[in-house]
Amino acid sequence: MAKKDKDLDAETQALLEWCAEVEALLVAAGATPREAQEHIEEQAEWYTDQFYDGLTPEEAAKAALND
């Protein structure tokens, strides 16, 4: 899980924690931790949209794996 940072607002912290959950799911599906992190970084805008659209980390990971 992402380390809590007092400089981050609650919404940003929630997004980072959500992404950490997605990352763990991608790793569980077979990606290396580095691959999962790089994928999320490269697709940051898409993942941010999924977060704000209300998808669960499980739904976002499944959508990413099906692409």
N, C-alpha and C. Protein backbone atom coordinates (compact mmCIF):
# COMPACT_ATOMS: atom_id res chain seq x y z
N MET A 1 0.85 -1.18 0.00
CA MET A 1 0.00 0.00 0.00
C MET A 1 0.89 1.23 0.00
N ALA A 2 0.42 2.28 -0.62
CA ALA A 2 1.17 3.52 -0.69
C ALA A 2 1.32 4.14 0.70
N LYS A 3 2.49 4.72 0.94
CA LYS A 3 2.73 5.39 2.21
C LYS A 3 1.91 6.67 2.26
N LYS A 4 1.27 6.89 3.39
CA LYS A 4 0.48 8.12 3.53
C LYS A 4 1.42 9.31 3.61
N ASP A 5 1.08 10.34 2.90
CA ASP A 5 1.88 11.56 2.84
C ASP A 5 0.99 12.72 3.23
N LYS A 6 1.41 13.46 4.23
CA LYS A 6 0.60 14.57 4.73
C LYS A 6 0.43 15.67 3.69
N ASP A 7 1.28 15.70 2.66
CA ASP A 7 1.18 16.73 1.63
C ASP A 7 0.11 16.40 0.58
N LEU A 8 -0.39 15.18 0.60
CA LEU A 8 -1.39 14.78 -0.38
C LEU A 8 -2.79 14.97 0.18
N ASP A 9 -3.70 15.43 -0.68
CA ASP A 9 -5.09 15.55 -0.23
C ASP A 9 -5.71 14.16 -0.20
N ALA A 10 -6.84 14.05 0.45
CA ALA A 10 -7.48 12.75 0.65
C ALA A 10 -7.83 12.08 -0.67
N GLU A 11 -8.26 12.84 -1.65
CA GLU A 11 -8.64 12.28 -2.94
C GLU A 11 -7.42 11.68 -3.67
N THR A 12 -6.31 12.40 -3.64
CA THR A 12 -5.09 11.90 -4.27
C THR A 12 -4.60 10.65 -3.56
N GLN A 13 -4.65 10.66 -2.24
CA GLN A 13 -4.24 9.49 -1.46
C GLN A 13 -5.11 8.30 -1.81
N ALA A 14 -6.42 8.52 -1.95
CA ALA A 14 -7.33 7.43 -2.30
C ALA A 14 -7.00 6.87 -3.68
N LEU A 15 -6.68 7.74 -4.63
CA LEU A 15 -6.31 7.30 -5.98
C LEU A 15 -5.04 6.45 -5.93
N LEU A 16 -4.05 6.88 -5.18
CA LEU A 16 -2.79 6.12 -5.08
C LEU A 16 -3.02 4.76 -4.44
N GLU A 17 -3.84 4.70 -3.43
CA GLU A 17 -4.14 3.42 -2.78
C GLU A 17 -4.91 2.50 -3.73
N TRP A 18 -5.83 3.08 -4.50
CA TRP A 18 -6.59 2.33 -5.49
C TRP A 18 -5.64 1.74 -6.53
N CYS A 19 -4.70 2.56 -7.01
CA CYS A 19 -3.72 2.09 -8.00
C CYS A 19 -2.84 0.98 -7.43
N ALA A 20 -2.50 1.07 -6.16
CA ALA A 20 -1.70 0.03 -5.52
C ALA A 20 -2.48 -1.29 -5.50
N GLU A 21 -3.78 -1.22 -5.29
CA GLU A 21 -4.61 -2.42 -5.32
C GLU A 21 -4.65 -3.00 -6.74
N VAL A 22 -4.79 -2.13 -7.73
CA VAL A 22 -4.79 -2.59 -9.13
C VAL A 22 -3.45 -3.25 -9.44
N GLU A 23 -2.38 -2.63 -9.02
CA GLU A 23 -1.04 -3.18 -9.25
C GLU A 23 -0.93 -4.59 -8.66
N ALA A 24 -1.39 -4.78 -7.45
CA ALA A 24 -1.33 -6.09 -6.81
C ALA A 24 -2.13 -7.12 -7.60
N LEU A 25 -3.26 -6.71 -8.14
CA LEU A 25 -4.08 -7.62 -8.94
C LEU A 25 -3.40 -7.99 -10.25
N LEU A 26 -2.73 -7.03 -10.87
CA LEU A 26 -2.00 -7.31 -12.11
C LEU A 26 -0.85 -8.29 -11.83
N VAL A 27 -0.19 -8.12 -10.70
CA VAL A 27 0.89 -9.03 -10.31
C VAL A 27 0.31 -10.43 -10.06
N ALA A 28 -0.81 -10.49 -9.38
CA ALA A 28 -1.45 -11.78 -9.11
C ALA A 28 -1.85 -12.48 -10.41
N ALA A 29 -2.09 -11.70 -11.45
CA ALA A 29 -2.47 -12.26 -12.75
C ALA A 29 -1.26 -12.65 -13.59
N GLY A 30 -0.05 -12.38 -13.09
CA GLY A 30 1.13 -12.84 -13.80
C GLY A 30 2.15 -11.79 -14.19
N ALA A 31 1.84 -10.52 -14.02
CA ALA A 31 2.81 -9.48 -14.34
C ALA A 31 3.85 -9.41 -13.24
N THR A 32 5.05 -8.98 -13.59
CA THR A 32 6.03 -8.71 -12.54
C THR A 32 5.64 -7.39 -11.88
N PRO A 33 6.10 -7.15 -10.65
CA PRO A 33 5.79 -5.87 -10.02
C PRO A 33 6.24 -4.68 -10.89
N ARG A 34 7.39 -4.79 -11.51
CA ARG A 34 7.89 -3.71 -12.37
C ARG A 34 6.98 -3.51 -13.58
N GLU A 35 6.57 -4.60 -14.22
CA GLU A 35 5.68 -4.51 -15.38
C GLU A 35 4.36 -3.85 -14.99
N ALA A 36 3.80 -4.26 -13.86
CA ALA A 36 2.53 -3.71 -13.42
C ALA A 36 2.66 -2.22 -13.14
N GLN A 37 3.72 -1.83 -12.45
CA GLN A 37 3.91 -0.42 -12.12
C GLN A 37 4.12 0.40 -13.39
N GLU A 38 4.94 -0.08 -14.29
CA GLU A 38 5.18 0.65 -15.54
C GLU A 38 3.90 0.78 -16.36
N HIS A 39 3.12 -0.28 -16.39
CA HIS A 39 1.85 -0.24 -17.13
C HIS A 39 0.93 0.84 -16.56
N ILE A 40 0.80 0.86 -15.25
CA ILE A 40 -0.07 1.86 -14.62
C ILE A 40 0.46 3.27 -14.88
N GLU A 41 1.77 3.45 -14.81
CA GLU A 41 2.35 4.77 -15.08
C GLU A 41 2.10 5.19 -16.52
N GLU A 42 2.27 4.26 -17.47
CA GLU A 42 2.07 4.58 -18.88
C GLU A 42 0.60 4.86 -19.20
N GLN A 43 -0.29 4.24 -18.46
CA GLN A 43 -1.73 4.39 -18.69
C GLN A 43 -2.39 5.20 -17.57
N ALA A 44 -1.64 6.11 -16.96
CA ALA A 44 -2.11 6.85 -15.78
C ALA A 44 -3.44 7.57 -16.04
N GLU A 45 -3.58 8.18 -17.20
CA GLU A 45 -4.81 8.91 -17.49
C GLU A 45 -6.01 7.95 -17.55
N TRP A 46 -5.82 6.80 -18.21
CA TRP A 46 -6.89 5.81 -18.30
C TRP A 46 -7.28 5.32 -16.91
N TYR A 47 -6.28 4.99 -16.08
CA TYR A 47 -6.57 4.50 -14.73
C TYR A 47 -7.24 5.57 -13.88
N THR A 48 -6.81 6.80 -14.04
CA THR A 48 -7.44 7.90 -13.29
C THR A 48 -8.91 8.02 -13.68
N ASP A 49 -9.18 7.91 -14.97
CA ASP A 49 -10.58 7.95 -15.43
C ASP A 49 -11.38 6.81 -14.82
N GLN A 50 -10.79 5.61 -14.78
CA GLN A 50 -11.49 4.46 -14.22
C GLN A 50 -11.80 4.68 -12.73
N PHE A 51 -10.86 5.26 -12.01
CA PHE A 51 -11.05 5.56 -10.59
C PHE A 51 -12.22 6.52 -10.41
N TYR A 52 -12.22 7.60 -11.19
CA TYR A 52 -13.28 8.60 -11.04
C TYR A 52 -14.62 8.12 -11.61
N ASP A 53 -14.58 7.13 -12.49
CA ASP A 53 -15.82 6.53 -12.99
C ASP A 53 -16.41 5.54 -12.00
N GLY A 54 -15.68 5.26 -10.92
CA GLY A 54 -16.19 4.41 -9.85
C GLY A 54 -15.89 2.93 -10.00
N LEU A 55 -14.99 2.57 -10.90
CA LEU A 55 -14.64 1.16 -11.02
C LEU A 55 -13.88 0.70 -9.78
N THR A 56 -14.07 -0.54 -9.43
CA THR A 56 -13.28 -1.12 -8.35
C THR A 56 -11.91 -1.46 -8.92
N PRO A 57 -10.92 -1.66 -8.07
CA PRO A 57 -9.62 -2.09 -8.59
C PRO A 57 -9.73 -3.40 -9.38
N GLU A 58 -10.60 -4.29 -8.92
CA GLU A 58 -10.80 -5.56 -9.62
C GLU A 58 -11.34 -5.33 -11.03
N GLU A 59 -12.32 -4.45 -11.17
CA GLU A 59 -12.90 -4.15 -12.48
C GLU A 59 -11.86 -3.51 -13.41
N ALA A 60 -11.07 -2.60 -12.87
CA ALA A 60 -10.05 -1.94 -13.69
C ALA A 60 -8.97 -2.90 -14.13
N ALA A 61 -8.54 -3.77 -13.23
CA ALA A 61 -7.51 -4.77 -13.58
C ALA A 61 -8.04 -5.72 -14.64
N LYS A 62 -9.29 -6.15 -14.48
CA LYS A 62 -9.89 -7.06 -15.46
C LYS A 62 -9.98 -6.39 -16.83
N ALA A 63 -10.39 -5.13 -16.86
CA ALA A 63 -10.47 -4.39 -18.13
C ALA A 63 -9.10 -4.26 -18.76
N ALA A 64 -8.09 -4.00 -17.96
CA ALA A 64 -6.72 -3.85 -18.48
C ALA A 64 -6.22 -5.17 -19.05
N LEU A 65 -6.53 -6.26 -18.37
CA LEU A 65 -6.05 -7.57 -18.81
C LEU A 65 -6.77 -8.05 -20.07
N ASN A 66 -7.98 -7.55 -20.30
CA ASN A 66 -8.75 -7.96 -21.48
C ASN A 66 -8.43 -7.14 -22.71
N ASP A 67 -7.63 -6.09 -22.56
CA ASP A 67 -7.29 -5.26 -23.72
C ASP A 67 -6.18 -5.85 -24.54
